[in-house]
Amino acid sequence: MVRVGIVGATGYGARELVRLITAHPEADVVVVTSESAAGKPLVEVHPAFGKLTTLTCEPFSVRMLAELCDVVFVAVPATKSMAFVSALRAAEVSVIDIGPDFRLKDPELFKQHYKTEHTAPGLLKEAVYGLPIANRMVLDTAALVAVPGCYPISIITPLKPLLDAPLANIPIVADSISGISGAGKSLSDSYHFPEMNENVRAYNLAAHRHTPEIEQELANKVMVQFNPHVGPYTRGILTTLTVRTAGEIPVDELYARYAEEPFVRVLGEGKLPEVKYVRGTNFCDIGWVMDKRTGNLIIVSAIDNLVGGTAGIAVQCMNLMFGHDETLGLQFGGMAP
């Protein structure tokens, strides 16, 4: 049984981790920490777990986590996990960070996009980008995993098979729309119900933090014009990619590489994904249309930002790290309708 600790237990990502691991046949949450809720029963913070856990939120303690846990998930806001991860790795604790602090390999890029110095640059080389479709063979020996961002997963997954195909030398346009939970649990006027109900908003155009992460994990072979949006629903990301081709592309053949991927569902040409079919799951669904008039290949992907874009893929990484079947605890279909 894998003994799990969760640092930052009050957020949406951590809540999903608790939900998934509570039902996992080979893992058990043994410690949850929270500075804001220290001393409170976890069910007071997350009432949905009544009768499922008796844990109390503890203050962060490296010694306690090192003694009680085989792996610790760090689920805190951007720029906040560096200190926690550094302390845990100094104590030789295996860590899965669901935030962005260890995704970018270049500390200068991190400083540029996150507006702060990286305080643990020595750990960037150690961190394995937690995308099983690309790094499955090294995740089994990883001691520090940086779980990808939810938007990047929805973009990188459909684009990776195309990197060696004939593409025009112009940016790929990625239009993504996320549910409001992607903004996290912190209160904000922008996401107040009257502001978001019956509304869709573009934001951080030409300046989103995930852009360098996306291009890094596409081996910097393509430039991506990333256009994020937020819509008036709770969870899920729908991404539409516009890719200008420079010749015939055997799309079916290229996506055949995903035939054995347990959590990638290639729907095929003319079959377009919908958020409702991946809601609550670890799946990424992919479909496409070839527009012969414009020469554009239009690809659509759908994920659940909190599961397939955060907690679910983090649990998949944990399974690989500890030698379990990577699908363990994650085999369920979408919550539709």
Protein backbone atom coordinates (compact mmCIF):
# COMPACT_ATOMS: atom_id res chain seq x y z
CA MET A 1 0.00 0.00 0.00
CA VAL A 2 1.43 3.40 -1.04
CA ARG A 3 1.23 5.84 1.86
CA VAL A 4 0.26 9.26 0.51
CA GLY A 5 0.62 12.75 1.95
CA ILE A 6 -1.03 15.83 0.46
CA VAL A 7 0.33 19.32 1.09
CA GLY A 8 -2.24 22.06 0.57
CA ALA A 9 -5.34 19.96 1.11
CA THR A 10 -8.00 22.65 0.73
CA GLY A 11 -7.82 23.40 -3.02
CA TYR A 12 -9.74 21.86 -5.91
CA GLY A 13 -6.80 19.79 -7.16
CA ALA A 14 -6.15 18.40 -3.68
CA ARG A 15 -9.83 17.61 -3.26
CA GLU A 16 -9.73 15.50 -6.41
CA LEU A 17 -6.57 13.78 -5.19
CA VAL A 18 -8.33 12.82 -1.95
CA ARG A 19 -11.36 11.58 -3.91
CA LEU A 20 -9.29 9.42 -6.25
CA ILE A 21 -6.84 8.04 -3.72
CA THR A 22 -9.55 7.27 -1.16
CA ALA A 23 -10.95 4.81 -3.72
CA HIS A 24 -7.54 3.54 -4.90
CA PRO A 25 -6.98 -0.16 -4.12
CA GLU A 26 -3.22 0.22 -3.56
CA ALA A 27 -2.87 3.70 -2.02
CA ASP A 28 -4.07 5.45 1.12
CA VAL A 29 -4.00 9.09 2.17
CA VAL A 30 -2.34 9.11 5.58
CA VAL A 31 -1.50 12.82 6.04
CA VAL A 32 -3.04 16.06 4.79
CA THR A 33 -1.55 19.44 5.58
CA SER A 34 -2.93 22.94 5.33
CA GLU A 35 -1.70 26.16 6.86
CA SER A 36 -5.13 27.82 6.57
CA ALA A 37 -7.11 24.86 7.94
CA ALA A 38 -4.63 23.34 10.41
CA GLY A 39 -6.46 21.55 13.21
CA LYS A 40 -9.70 21.20 11.28
CA PRO A 41 -11.07 17.79 10.28
CA LEU A 42 -10.72 17.30 6.54
CA VAL A 43 -14.47 16.67 6.29
CA GLU A 44 -15.08 20.16 7.63
CA VAL A 45 -13.12 21.54 4.69
CA HIS A 46 -14.47 19.00 2.19
CA PRO A 47 -17.84 17.69 3.44
CA ALA A 48 -18.09 15.31 0.49
CA PHE A 49 -15.68 12.97 2.29
CA GLY A 50 -17.89 12.36 5.32
CA LYS A 51 -17.64 8.70 6.43
CA LEU A 52 -14.72 8.25 4.01
CA THR A 53 -11.91 9.77 6.09
CA THR A 54 -11.13 10.74 9.66
CA LEU A 55 -8.02 12.77 8.80
CA THR A 56 -7.35 16.17 10.36
CA CYS A 57 -5.44 18.91 8.51
CA GLU A 58 -1.96 19.22 10.01
CA PRO A 59 0.63 22.00 9.83
CA PHE A 60 3.39 21.28 7.32
CA SER A 61 6.15 19.14 8.84
CA VAL A 62 8.94 17.59 6.80
CA ARG A 63 9.73 15.12 9.57
CA MET A 64 6.14 13.92 9.85
CA LEU A 65 5.72 13.56 6.08
CA ALA A 66 9.07 11.78 5.70
CA GLU A 67 8.22 9.33 8.48
CA LEU A 68 4.66 8.53 7.42
CA CYS A 69 4.61 8.84 3.62
CA ASP A 70 6.02 7.05 0.60
CA VAL A 71 5.09 9.95 -1.67
CA VAL A 72 3.82 13.48 -1.09
CA PHE A 73 1.61 15.42 -3.50
CA VAL A 74 2.15 19.17 -3.30
CA ALA A 75 -1.01 21.09 -4.24
CA VAL A 76 -0.35 24.77 -3.60
CA PRO A 77 -0.59 27.86 -5.83
CA ALA A 78 2.05 28.83 -8.39
CA THR A 79 5.43 29.87 -6.96
CA LYS A 80 4.51 28.47 -3.53
CA SER A 81 5.63 24.87 -3.97
CA MET A 82 9.36 25.59 -4.41
CA ALA A 83 9.95 25.84 -0.67
CA PHE A 84 7.85 22.76 0.18
CA VAL A 85 9.40 20.63 -2.56
CA SER A 86 12.95 21.68 -1.67
CA ALA A 87 12.44 20.72 1.97
CA LEU A 88 10.86 17.38 1.07
CA ARG A 89 13.51 16.44 -1.47
CA ALA A 90 16.26 17.38 1.02
CA ALA A 91 14.67 14.74 3.27
CA GLU A 92 14.66 12.30 0.32
CA VAL A 93 10.87 12.20 0.09
CA SER A 94 9.41 11.39 -3.32
CA VAL A 95 7.26 14.31 -4.53
CA ILE A 96 4.56 14.85 -7.13
CA ASP A 97 3.98 18.58 -7.61
CA ILE A 98 0.69 19.44 -9.30
CA GLY A 99 1.66 23.12 -9.60
CA PRO A 100 3.89 24.80 -12.23
CA ASP A 101 7.06 25.45 -10.25
CA PHE A 102 9.11 22.58 -11.69
CA ARG A 103 7.72 22.29 -15.21
CA LEU A 104 9.95 24.77 -16.99
CA LYS A 105 13.57 23.68 -17.30
CA ASP A 106 14.92 27.21 -17.80
CA PRO A 107 14.86 29.28 -14.58
CA GLU A 108 15.02 32.48 -16.64
CA LEU A 109 11.84 31.51 -18.47
CA PHE A 110 10.25 30.78 -15.12
CA LYS A 111 11.25 34.22 -13.83
CA GLN A 112 9.92 35.89 -16.99
CA HIS A 113 6.51 34.23 -16.86
CA TYR A 114 5.96 33.83 -13.10
CA LYS A 115 7.55 37.15 -12.08
CA THR A 116 9.72 35.66 -9.36
CA GLU A 117 13.15 34.04 -9.02
CA HIS A 118 13.21 30.27 -8.94
CA THR A 119 14.55 29.38 -5.49
CA ALA A 120 15.34 25.73 -6.29
CA PRO A 121 16.91 25.71 -9.77
CA GLY A 122 19.04 22.70 -8.86
CA LEU A 123 15.89 20.55 -8.76
CA LEU A 124 14.76 21.48 -12.27
CA LYS A 125 17.03 18.88 -13.88
CA GLU A 126 15.76 16.23 -11.48
CA ALA A 127 12.09 16.95 -12.16
CA VAL A 128 10.38 14.65 -14.67
CA TYR A 129 7.55 16.18 -16.65
CA GLY A 130 4.58 14.03 -15.67
CA LEU A 131 3.12 13.25 -19.08
CA PRO A 132 2.97 9.45 -19.41
CA ILE A 133 2.50 9.48 -23.19
CA ALA A 134 5.98 10.99 -23.45
CA ASN A 135 7.85 10.03 -20.26
CA ARG A 136 6.42 6.69 -19.17
CA MET A 137 9.84 5.01 -19.30
CA VAL A 138 11.44 7.45 -16.85
CA LEU A 139 8.53 7.98 -14.48
CA ASP A 140 9.17 4.59 -12.88
CA THR A 141 12.45 5.89 -11.43
CA ALA A 142 11.40 9.50 -10.79
CA ALA A 143 11.66 11.03 -7.32
CA LEU A 144 10.26 14.43 -8.35
CA VAL A 145 7.42 14.71 -10.86
CA ALA A 146 6.08 17.98 -12.24
CA VAL A 147 2.48 17.34 -13.29
CA PRO A 148 1.66 19.22 -16.52
CA GLY A 149 -0.74 22.11 -16.64
CA CYS A 150 -4.29 21.32 -17.71
CA TYR A 151 -4.24 23.52 -20.80
CA PRO A 152 -0.88 22.06 -21.93
CA ILE A 153 -2.20 18.49 -21.63
CA SER A 154 -5.11 19.37 -23.93
CA ILE A 155 -2.70 20.87 -26.48
CA ILE A 156 0.44 18.73 -26.25
CA THR A 157 -1.41 15.40 -26.42
CA PRO A 158 -3.01 15.98 -29.83
CA LEU A 159 0.04 17.76 -31.29
CA LYS A 160 2.86 15.38 -30.33
CA PRO A 161 2.16 12.83 -33.09
CA LEU A 162 2.31 15.61 -35.71
CA LEU A 163 5.73 17.04 -34.90
CA ASP A 164 7.51 15.23 -37.74
CA ALA A 165 4.69 15.74 -40.24
CA PRO A 166 4.90 18.40 -42.98
CA LEU A 167 3.61 21.55 -41.28
CA ALA A 168 3.77 25.11 -42.56
CA ASN A 169 6.20 27.40 -40.77
CA ILE A 170 3.52 29.48 -39.10
CA PRO A 171 2.23 29.37 -35.52
CA ILE A 172 -0.31 26.73 -34.55
CA VAL A 173 -3.39 28.42 -33.12
CA ALA A 174 -4.71 26.86 -29.91
CA ASP A 175 -8.11 28.17 -28.80
CA SER A 176 -8.99 26.68 -25.41
CA ILE A 177 -11.98 27.22 -23.17
CA SER A 178 -11.91 26.08 -19.55
CA GLY A 179 -14.48 25.73 -16.83
CA ILE A 180 -14.23 28.16 -13.93
CA SER A 181 -12.59 25.61 -11.60
CA GLY A 182 -9.42 26.06 -13.65
CA ALA A 183 -8.97 29.41 -11.91
CA GLY A 184 -8.63 27.68 -8.54
CA LYS A 185 -10.51 28.14 -5.30
CA SER A 186 -9.37 31.66 -4.37
CA LEU A 187 -12.12 34.26 -4.54
CA SER A 188 -12.07 36.71 -7.43
CA ASP A 189 -14.50 39.33 -8.70
CA SER A 190 -13.85 38.11 -12.26
CA TYR A 191 -15.29 34.68 -11.44
CA HIS A 192 -18.19 35.88 -9.28
CA PHE A 193 -21.42 34.22 -10.49
CA PRO A 194 -23.00 37.39 -11.97
CA GLU A 195 -19.77 38.07 -13.87
CA MET A 196 -19.42 34.61 -15.43
CA ASN A 197 -22.99 33.36 -15.80
CA GLU A 198 -24.03 33.49 -19.47
CA ASN A 199 -20.59 34.85 -20.33
CA VAL A 200 -17.40 33.67 -22.04
CA ARG A 201 -14.19 35.61 -21.60
CA ALA A 202 -10.77 35.53 -23.28
CA TYR A 203 -7.86 36.34 -21.00
CA ASN A 204 -4.05 36.60 -20.91
CA LEU A 205 -3.85 36.63 -24.69
CA ALA A 206 -0.24 36.53 -25.94
CA ALA A 207 0.94 36.35 -22.33
CA HIS A 208 -0.27 33.10 -20.74
CA ARG A 209 2.19 31.28 -18.47
CA HIS A 210 1.49 27.93 -20.10
CA THR A 211 2.79 28.96 -23.53
CA PRO A 212 6.50 28.25 -22.84
CA GLU A 213 5.57 24.96 -21.16
CA ILE A 214 3.63 23.88 -24.24
CA GLU A 215 6.44 24.78 -26.64
CA GLN A 216 9.10 23.20 -24.39
CA GLU A 217 7.26 19.87 -24.35
CA LEU A 218 6.78 20.03 -28.12
CA ALA A 219 10.60 20.14 -28.33
CA ASN A 220 10.38 23.77 -29.51
CA LYS A 221 9.64 22.44 -33.00
CA VAL A 222 6.55 24.61 -33.41
CA MET A 223 5.35 28.01 -32.24
CA VAL A 224 1.94 28.06 -30.57
CA GLN A 225 -0.46 30.98 -30.47
CA PHE A 226 -2.33 30.12 -27.28
CA ASN A 227 -5.70 31.80 -26.76
CA PRO A 228 -7.26 30.82 -23.40
CA HIS A 229 -10.90 31.44 -22.53
CA VAL A 230 -13.10 30.72 -19.53
CA GLY A 231 -16.74 29.72 -19.75
CA PRO A 232 -19.70 29.48 -17.35
CA TYR A 233 -19.35 25.83 -16.40
CA THR A 234 -17.47 24.13 -13.58
CA ARG A 235 -14.98 21.73 -15.13
CA GLY A 236 -13.56 20.64 -18.46
CA ILE A 237 -11.38 22.04 -21.24
CA LEU A 238 -12.23 22.02 -24.93
CA THR A 239 -9.30 22.93 -27.18
CA THR A 240 -9.48 23.62 -30.92
CA LEU A 241 -6.14 23.56 -32.75
CA THR A 242 -5.73 25.12 -36.20
CA VAL A 243 -2.69 23.59 -37.91
CA ARG A 244 -1.59 24.75 -41.38
CA THR A 245 -0.21 21.80 -43.29
CA ALA A 246 2.56 21.83 -45.91
CA GLY A 247 1.54 18.62 -47.63
CA GLU A 248 -0.52 15.50 -47.19
CA ILE A 249 -0.66 14.28 -43.57
CA PRO A 250 -1.76 10.72 -42.76
CA VAL A 251 -3.54 11.77 -39.59
CA ASP A 252 -5.03 8.34 -38.90
CA GLU A 253 -1.61 6.72 -39.13
CA LEU A 254 0.04 9.31 -36.90
CA TYR A 255 -2.60 8.90 -34.19
CA ALA A 256 -2.24 5.12 -34.34
CA ARG A 257 0.59 5.57 -31.82
CA TYR A 258 -2.13 6.21 -29.22
CA ALA A 259 -3.91 2.90 -29.82
CA GLU A 260 -2.38 1.38 -26.69
CA GLU A 261 -2.56 4.55 -24.58
CA PRO A 262 -5.05 3.79 -21.79
CA PHE A 263 -6.29 7.35 -21.41
CA VAL A 264 -6.19 8.74 -24.95
CA ARG A 265 -9.30 8.10 -27.04
CA VAL A 266 -8.83 8.90 -30.74
CA LEU A 267 -12.35 9.37 -32.08
CA GLY A 268 -11.34 9.80 -35.70
CA GLU A 269 -11.98 12.21 -38.54
CA GLY A 270 -15.26 14.11 -38.32
CA LYS A 271 -15.94 12.87 -34.78
CA LEU A 272 -15.48 15.79 -32.42
CA PRO A 273 -15.02 15.49 -28.64
CA GLU A 274 -17.31 17.03 -26.07
CA VAL A 275 -16.51 17.97 -22.49
CA LYS A 276 -19.43 16.00 -21.05
CA TYR A 277 -17.93 12.68 -22.14
CA VAL A 278 -14.66 13.24 -20.25
CA ARG A 279 -16.07 14.97 -17.17
CA GLY A 280 -14.77 13.27 -14.04
CA THR A 281 -12.32 11.07 -16.01
CA ASN A 282 -8.64 10.80 -16.86
CA PHE A 283 -9.30 10.63 -20.61
CA CYS A 284 -8.21 12.96 -23.37
CA ASP A 285 -10.51 12.63 -26.39
CA ILE A 286 -9.25 13.70 -29.82
CA GLY A 287 -11.02 14.22 -33.15
CA TRP A 288 -10.29 16.25 -36.27
CA VAL A 289 -11.48 17.70 -39.58
CA MET A 290 -9.28 18.42 -42.61
CA ASP A 291 -10.38 21.65 -44.29
CA LYS A 292 -9.28 21.21 -47.90
CA ARG A 293 -10.40 24.74 -48.76
CA THR A 294 -7.95 26.43 -46.38
CA GLY A 295 -5.36 23.68 -46.02
CA ASN A 296 -5.87 23.69 -42.27
CA LEU A 297 -6.06 20.59 -40.12
CA ILE A 298 -8.53 21.37 -37.33
CA ILE A 299 -8.09 19.21 -34.23
CA VAL A 300 -10.35 19.19 -31.18
CA SER A 301 -9.48 17.74 -27.79
CA ALA A 302 -11.42 17.48 -24.54
CA ILE A 303 -10.26 16.78 -20.99
CA ASP A 304 -11.51 17.25 -17.45
CA ASN A 305 -9.16 19.92 -16.11
CA LEU A 306 -9.33 18.62 -12.53
CA VAL A 307 -8.86 14.91 -13.30
CA GLY A 308 -7.27 14.31 -16.71
CA GLY A 309 -5.66 17.73 -16.38
CA THR A 310 -4.48 17.53 -12.76
CA ALA A 311 -5.29 14.89 -10.13
CA GLY A 312 -5.97 11.94 -12.41
CA ILE A 313 -2.75 12.27 -14.36
CA ALA A 314 -0.91 12.80 -11.05
CA VAL A 315 -2.30 9.48 -9.78
CA GLN A 316 -1.33 7.86 -13.08
CA CYS A 317 2.24 9.10 -12.48
CA MET A 318 2.15 7.71 -8.92
CA ASN A 319 1.08 4.32 -10.25
CA LEU A 320 4.05 4.27 -12.63
CA MET A 321 6.47 5.42 -9.91
CA PHE A 322 5.47 2.55 -7.63
CA GLY A 323 5.24 -0.20 -10.23
CA HIS A 324 1.47 -0.49 -10.36
CA ASP A 325 -0.69 -0.75 -13.47
CA GLU A 326 -0.97 2.89 -14.48
CA THR A 327 -4.75 2.65 -14.83
CA LEU A 328 -5.26 1.57 -11.23
CA GLY A 329 -7.93 3.65 -9.50
CA LEU A 330 -8.67 5.58 -12.68
CA GLN A 331 -10.89 3.33 -14.76
CA PHE A 332 -14.22 5.10 -15.00
CA GLY A 333 -16.21 6.71 -17.78
CA GLY A 334 -17.51 10.23 -18.16
CA MET A 335 -20.20 11.72 -15.94
CA ALA A 336 -22.71 12.32 -18.70
CA PRO A 337 -25.32 13.66 -18.68
